[in-house]
N, C-alpha and C. Protein backbone atom coordinates (compact mmCIF):
# COMPACT_ATOMS: atom_id res chain seq x y z
N MET A 1 -21.00 46.80 -58.26
CA MET A 1 -22.12 46.07 -58.80
C MET A 1 -21.94 44.57 -58.61
N ALA A 2 -20.72 44.07 -58.83
CA ALA A 2 -20.47 42.64 -58.67
C ALA A 2 -20.71 42.18 -57.24
N VAL A 3 -20.41 43.05 -56.28
CA VAL A 3 -20.62 42.69 -54.88
C VAL A 3 -22.10 42.50 -54.61
N SER A 4 -22.95 43.40 -55.13
CA SER A 4 -24.38 43.27 -54.89
C SER A 4 -24.95 42.04 -55.60
N VAL A 5 -24.42 41.70 -56.78
CA VAL A 5 -24.86 40.50 -57.47
C VAL A 5 -24.47 39.28 -56.66
N GLN A 6 -23.23 39.24 -56.17
CA GLN A 6 -22.78 38.12 -55.34
C GLN A 6 -23.62 38.03 -54.07
N GLN A 7 -23.88 39.15 -53.42
CA GLN A 7 -24.71 39.13 -52.22
C GLN A 7 -26.11 38.63 -52.55
N GLY A 8 -26.59 39.01 -53.72
CA GLY A 8 -27.92 38.57 -54.15
C GLY A 8 -28.03 37.06 -54.28
N ILE A 9 -27.00 36.42 -54.80
CA ILE A 9 -27.06 34.96 -54.94
C ILE A 9 -27.08 34.29 -53.58
N TRP A 10 -26.34 34.83 -52.61
CA TRP A 10 -26.32 34.21 -51.28
C TRP A 10 -27.62 34.45 -50.54
N ASP A 11 -28.26 35.59 -50.80
CA ASP A 11 -29.60 35.81 -50.25
C ASP A 11 -30.58 34.80 -50.85
N THR A 12 -30.44 34.54 -52.15
CA THR A 12 -31.29 33.56 -52.83
C THR A 12 -31.06 32.16 -52.26
N VAL A 13 -29.79 31.81 -52.05
CA VAL A 13 -29.46 30.50 -51.48
C VAL A 13 -30.09 30.34 -50.10
N LEU A 14 -29.96 31.35 -49.29
CA LEU A 14 -30.51 31.28 -47.94
C LEU A 14 -32.03 31.19 -47.97
N GLU A 15 -32.66 31.97 -48.83
CA GLU A 15 -34.12 31.93 -48.95
C GLU A 15 -34.59 30.57 -49.48
N THR A 16 -33.88 30.04 -50.47
CA THR A 16 -34.21 28.71 -51.01
C THR A 16 -34.10 27.66 -49.92
N THR A 17 -33.06 27.76 -49.11
CA THR A 17 -32.84 26.80 -48.03
C THR A 17 -33.93 26.90 -46.97
N LYS A 18 -34.28 28.12 -46.59
CA LYS A 18 -35.33 28.31 -45.58
C LYS A 18 -36.68 27.80 -46.09
N THR A 19 -36.98 28.08 -47.35
CA THR A 19 -38.24 27.62 -47.94
C THR A 19 -38.27 26.09 -48.01
N ALA A 20 -37.17 25.50 -48.44
CA ALA A 20 -37.10 24.03 -48.51
C ALA A 20 -37.25 23.42 -47.12
N GLN A 21 -36.67 24.07 -46.15
CA GLN A 21 -36.77 23.60 -44.76
C GLN A 21 -38.22 23.67 -44.29
N ASP A 22 -38.87 24.79 -44.53
CA ASP A 22 -40.26 24.98 -44.10
C ASP A 22 -41.22 24.01 -44.80
N GLN A 23 -40.92 23.71 -46.07
CA GLN A 23 -41.80 22.84 -46.85
C GLN A 23 -41.37 21.37 -46.81
N ASN A 24 -40.34 21.09 -46.02
CA ASN A 24 -39.83 19.72 -45.87
C ASN A 24 -39.49 19.09 -47.23
N VAL A 25 -38.79 19.86 -48.06
CA VAL A 25 -38.38 19.41 -49.39
C VAL A 25 -37.33 18.31 -49.25
N ASP A 26 -37.37 17.35 -50.15
CA ASP A 26 -36.36 16.29 -50.16
C ASP A 26 -34.97 16.93 -50.28
N PRO A 27 -34.05 16.59 -49.38
CA PRO A 27 -32.72 17.21 -49.40
C PRO A 27 -31.96 17.04 -50.72
N LEU A 28 -32.13 15.90 -51.39
CA LEU A 28 -31.45 15.71 -52.67
C LEU A 28 -32.00 16.68 -53.71
N MET A 29 -33.30 16.86 -53.74
CA MET A 29 -33.90 17.81 -54.68
C MET A 29 -33.43 19.23 -54.39
N TRP A 30 -33.34 19.57 -53.10
CA TRP A 30 -32.82 20.88 -52.70
C TRP A 30 -31.41 21.07 -53.21
N ALA A 31 -30.55 20.06 -53.02
CA ALA A 31 -29.15 20.17 -53.43
C ALA A 31 -29.02 20.31 -54.95
N ILE A 32 -29.82 19.56 -55.69
CA ILE A 32 -29.78 19.66 -57.15
C ILE A 32 -30.23 21.04 -57.61
N GLN A 33 -31.31 21.54 -57.03
CA GLN A 33 -31.80 22.88 -57.38
C GLN A 33 -30.76 23.94 -57.02
N LEU A 34 -30.17 23.80 -55.85
CA LEU A 34 -29.17 24.77 -55.41
C LEU A 34 -27.95 24.75 -56.32
N GLY A 35 -27.49 23.56 -56.68
CA GLY A 35 -26.36 23.45 -57.60
C GLY A 35 -26.64 24.12 -58.93
N SER A 36 -27.85 23.92 -59.44
CA SER A 36 -28.25 24.55 -60.69
C SER A 36 -28.28 26.07 -60.57
N THR A 37 -28.83 26.56 -59.47
CA THR A 37 -28.89 28.00 -59.22
C THR A 37 -27.49 28.60 -59.15
N LEU A 38 -26.60 27.92 -58.44
CA LEU A 38 -25.23 28.42 -58.30
C LEU A 38 -24.48 28.37 -59.64
N ASN A 39 -24.67 27.29 -60.40
CA ASN A 39 -24.05 27.21 -61.73
C ASN A 39 -24.54 28.33 -62.63
N SER A 40 -25.84 28.59 -62.62
CA SER A 40 -26.42 29.66 -63.44
C SER A 40 -25.87 31.03 -63.06
N ALA A 41 -25.54 31.20 -61.79
CA ALA A 41 -25.00 32.47 -61.32
C ALA A 41 -23.49 32.57 -61.54
N GLY A 42 -22.89 31.50 -62.05
CA GLY A 42 -21.45 31.52 -62.31
C GLY A 42 -20.59 31.29 -61.08
N VAL A 43 -21.17 30.71 -60.04
CA VAL A 43 -20.42 30.43 -58.82
C VAL A 43 -19.59 29.17 -59.05
N SER A 44 -18.32 29.23 -58.71
CA SER A 44 -17.43 28.09 -58.84
C SER A 44 -17.77 27.05 -57.77
N LEU A 45 -17.90 25.80 -58.21
CA LEU A 45 -18.26 24.72 -57.29
C LEU A 45 -17.12 23.71 -57.19
N PRO A 46 -16.87 23.16 -56.03
CA PRO A 46 -17.54 23.40 -54.76
C PRO A 46 -17.25 24.81 -54.25
N SER A 47 -18.19 25.36 -53.53
CA SER A 47 -18.14 26.76 -53.11
C SER A 47 -17.81 26.91 -51.63
N THR A 48 -16.74 27.65 -51.36
CA THR A 48 -16.39 27.93 -49.97
C THR A 48 -17.45 28.80 -49.31
N GLU A 49 -18.01 29.74 -50.08
CA GLU A 49 -19.04 30.61 -49.54
C GLU A 49 -20.28 29.81 -49.13
N LEU A 50 -20.63 28.82 -49.94
CA LEU A 50 -21.78 27.98 -49.61
C LEU A 50 -21.51 27.19 -48.33
N ALA A 51 -20.30 26.67 -48.20
CA ALA A 51 -19.94 25.93 -46.98
C ALA A 51 -20.13 26.80 -45.75
N HIS A 52 -19.61 28.01 -45.80
CA HIS A 52 -19.73 28.93 -44.65
C HIS A 52 -21.19 29.30 -44.39
N LEU A 53 -21.94 29.56 -45.46
CA LEU A 53 -23.35 29.93 -45.30
C LEU A 53 -24.15 28.80 -44.65
N LEU A 54 -23.95 27.57 -45.12
CA LEU A 54 -24.70 26.45 -44.56
C LEU A 54 -24.35 26.18 -43.11
N VAL A 55 -23.06 26.25 -42.79
CA VAL A 55 -22.66 26.04 -41.39
C VAL A 55 -23.25 27.13 -40.51
N SER A 56 -23.18 28.37 -40.95
CA SER A 56 -23.76 29.47 -40.16
C SER A 56 -25.27 29.29 -40.00
N HIS A 57 -25.93 28.91 -41.08
CA HIS A 57 -27.38 28.73 -41.04
C HIS A 57 -27.76 27.64 -40.04
N ILE A 58 -27.03 26.54 -40.06
CA ILE A 58 -27.34 25.43 -39.16
C ILE A 58 -26.96 25.75 -37.72
N CYS A 59 -25.75 26.24 -37.53
CA CYS A 59 -25.23 26.40 -36.17
C CYS A 59 -25.85 27.56 -35.41
N TRP A 60 -26.18 28.61 -36.08
CA TRP A 60 -26.63 29.80 -35.36
C TRP A 60 -28.13 30.04 -35.46
N GLU A 61 -28.79 29.40 -36.40
CA GLU A 61 -30.20 29.71 -36.59
C GLU A 61 -31.12 28.49 -36.65
N ASN A 62 -30.65 27.40 -37.22
CA ASN A 62 -31.56 26.30 -37.55
C ASN A 62 -30.93 24.93 -37.31
N ASN A 63 -30.62 24.64 -36.09
CA ASN A 63 -30.02 23.35 -35.76
C ASN A 63 -31.12 22.29 -35.70
N LEU A 64 -31.61 21.92 -36.90
CA LEU A 64 -32.71 20.98 -37.04
C LEU A 64 -32.26 19.79 -37.90
N PRO A 65 -32.88 18.64 -37.73
CA PRO A 65 -32.47 17.47 -38.51
C PRO A 65 -32.47 17.69 -40.02
N ILE A 66 -33.48 18.39 -40.55
CA ILE A 66 -33.53 18.55 -42.00
C ILE A 66 -32.38 19.42 -42.51
N THR A 67 -31.94 20.40 -41.74
CA THR A 67 -30.83 21.23 -42.20
C THR A 67 -29.53 20.44 -42.23
N TRP A 68 -29.38 19.50 -41.31
CA TRP A 68 -28.20 18.61 -41.36
C TRP A 68 -28.28 17.72 -42.59
N LYS A 69 -29.48 17.30 -42.98
CA LYS A 69 -29.64 16.49 -44.19
C LYS A 69 -29.31 17.32 -45.43
N PHE A 70 -29.69 18.60 -45.41
CA PHE A 70 -29.32 19.49 -46.52
C PHE A 70 -27.80 19.58 -46.63
N LEU A 71 -27.15 19.77 -45.51
CA LEU A 71 -25.68 19.86 -45.50
C LEU A 71 -25.07 18.56 -46.03
N ASP A 72 -25.60 17.43 -45.61
CA ASP A 72 -25.11 16.13 -46.09
C ASP A 72 -25.24 16.04 -47.61
N LYS A 73 -26.36 16.44 -48.15
CA LYS A 73 -26.56 16.36 -49.60
C LYS A 73 -25.70 17.37 -50.34
N ALA A 74 -25.45 18.52 -49.75
CA ALA A 74 -24.55 19.50 -50.38
C ALA A 74 -23.15 18.90 -50.51
N LEU A 75 -22.74 18.13 -49.53
CA LEU A 75 -21.45 17.45 -49.59
C LEU A 75 -21.50 16.30 -50.61
N THR A 76 -22.59 15.57 -50.61
CA THR A 76 -22.74 14.41 -51.50
C THR A 76 -22.69 14.82 -52.97
N VAL A 77 -23.37 15.90 -53.32
CA VAL A 77 -23.38 16.33 -54.73
C VAL A 77 -22.23 17.29 -55.03
N ARG A 78 -21.38 17.49 -54.07
CA ARG A 78 -20.12 18.24 -54.22
C ARG A 78 -20.31 19.70 -54.60
N ILE A 79 -21.30 20.32 -53.97
CA ILE A 79 -21.43 21.76 -54.16
C ILE A 79 -20.80 22.53 -53.00
N ALA A 80 -20.45 21.81 -51.94
CA ALA A 80 -19.73 22.40 -50.80
C ALA A 80 -18.55 21.49 -50.47
N PRO A 81 -17.36 22.06 -50.23
CA PRO A 81 -16.18 21.25 -49.93
C PRO A 81 -16.19 20.74 -48.48
N PRO A 82 -16.03 19.43 -48.29
CA PRO A 82 -16.12 18.84 -46.94
C PRO A 82 -15.18 19.47 -45.92
N ILE A 83 -13.95 19.72 -46.28
CA ILE A 83 -13.00 20.24 -45.31
C ILE A 83 -13.42 21.63 -44.82
N LEU A 84 -14.03 22.41 -45.71
CA LEU A 84 -14.45 23.75 -45.32
C LEU A 84 -15.77 23.74 -44.56
N VAL A 85 -16.45 22.63 -44.55
CA VAL A 85 -17.63 22.47 -43.69
C VAL A 85 -17.20 21.98 -42.32
N LEU A 86 -16.30 21.03 -42.32
CA LEU A 86 -15.86 20.43 -41.06
C LEU A 86 -15.04 21.39 -40.21
N ALA A 87 -14.21 22.21 -40.83
CA ALA A 87 -13.34 23.12 -40.07
C ALA A 87 -14.13 24.06 -39.15
N PRO A 88 -15.12 24.79 -39.65
CA PRO A 88 -15.86 25.67 -38.73
C PRO A 88 -16.67 24.90 -37.69
N LEU A 89 -17.16 23.72 -38.04
CA LEU A 89 -17.87 22.92 -37.05
C LEU A 89 -16.93 22.51 -35.93
N TYR A 90 -15.74 22.10 -36.29
CA TYR A 90 -14.76 21.68 -35.29
C TYR A 90 -14.33 22.87 -34.43
N GLN A 91 -14.08 24.02 -35.07
CA GLN A 91 -13.66 25.21 -34.32
C GLN A 91 -14.74 25.63 -33.34
N GLY A 92 -15.98 25.64 -33.77
CA GLY A 92 -17.08 26.02 -32.88
C GLY A 92 -17.22 25.05 -31.73
N HIS A 93 -16.99 23.78 -31.99
CA HIS A 93 -17.12 22.76 -30.96
C HIS A 93 -15.96 22.83 -29.97
N SER A 94 -14.76 23.09 -30.46
CA SER A 94 -13.59 23.08 -29.58
C SER A 94 -13.46 24.35 -28.75
N LYS A 95 -14.08 25.45 -29.17
CA LYS A 95 -13.98 26.71 -28.43
C LYS A 95 -14.80 26.69 -27.15
N SER A 96 -15.90 26.00 -27.19
CA SER A 96 -16.79 26.01 -26.04
C SER A 96 -17.62 24.74 -26.02
N THR A 97 -17.80 24.21 -24.85
CA THR A 97 -18.67 23.04 -24.75
C THR A 97 -20.14 23.45 -24.87
N ALA A 98 -20.40 24.73 -24.74
CA ALA A 98 -21.77 25.23 -24.86
C ALA A 98 -22.01 25.83 -26.24
N ALA A 99 -21.22 25.43 -27.24
CA ALA A 99 -21.39 25.94 -28.59
C ALA A 99 -22.79 25.59 -29.09
N PRO A 100 -23.42 26.51 -29.83
CA PRO A 100 -24.78 26.27 -30.29
C PRO A 100 -24.87 25.13 -31.30
N CYS A 101 -23.76 24.75 -31.87
CA CYS A 101 -23.76 23.70 -32.87
C CYS A 101 -22.74 22.65 -32.47
N SER A 102 -23.19 21.49 -32.12
CA SER A 102 -22.25 20.46 -31.71
C SER A 102 -22.30 19.30 -32.67
N ILE A 103 -21.16 18.66 -32.82
CA ILE A 103 -21.08 17.51 -33.72
C ILE A 103 -21.01 16.24 -32.93
């Protein structure tokens, strides 16, 4: 049951992010709402899972300026740990020059 609840929160995070992206929501407002949602769900912040989800969302599906702004605000309000965001970005960049997500 805990696994499905945890999966549910990450589905919610992804849906919130996609909706905010589509509606061009202010990245700071998105980050504040997301932090509140994660706190309410009992997710420990900063969240390694959030870092991985955001990097995957940006690099593999939505390499758009607003998603990079969302990532920046997630780091600014400390809901995602910087080192865990930078590590996968660096790994993806160093593995291939044709990586879908470049820094």
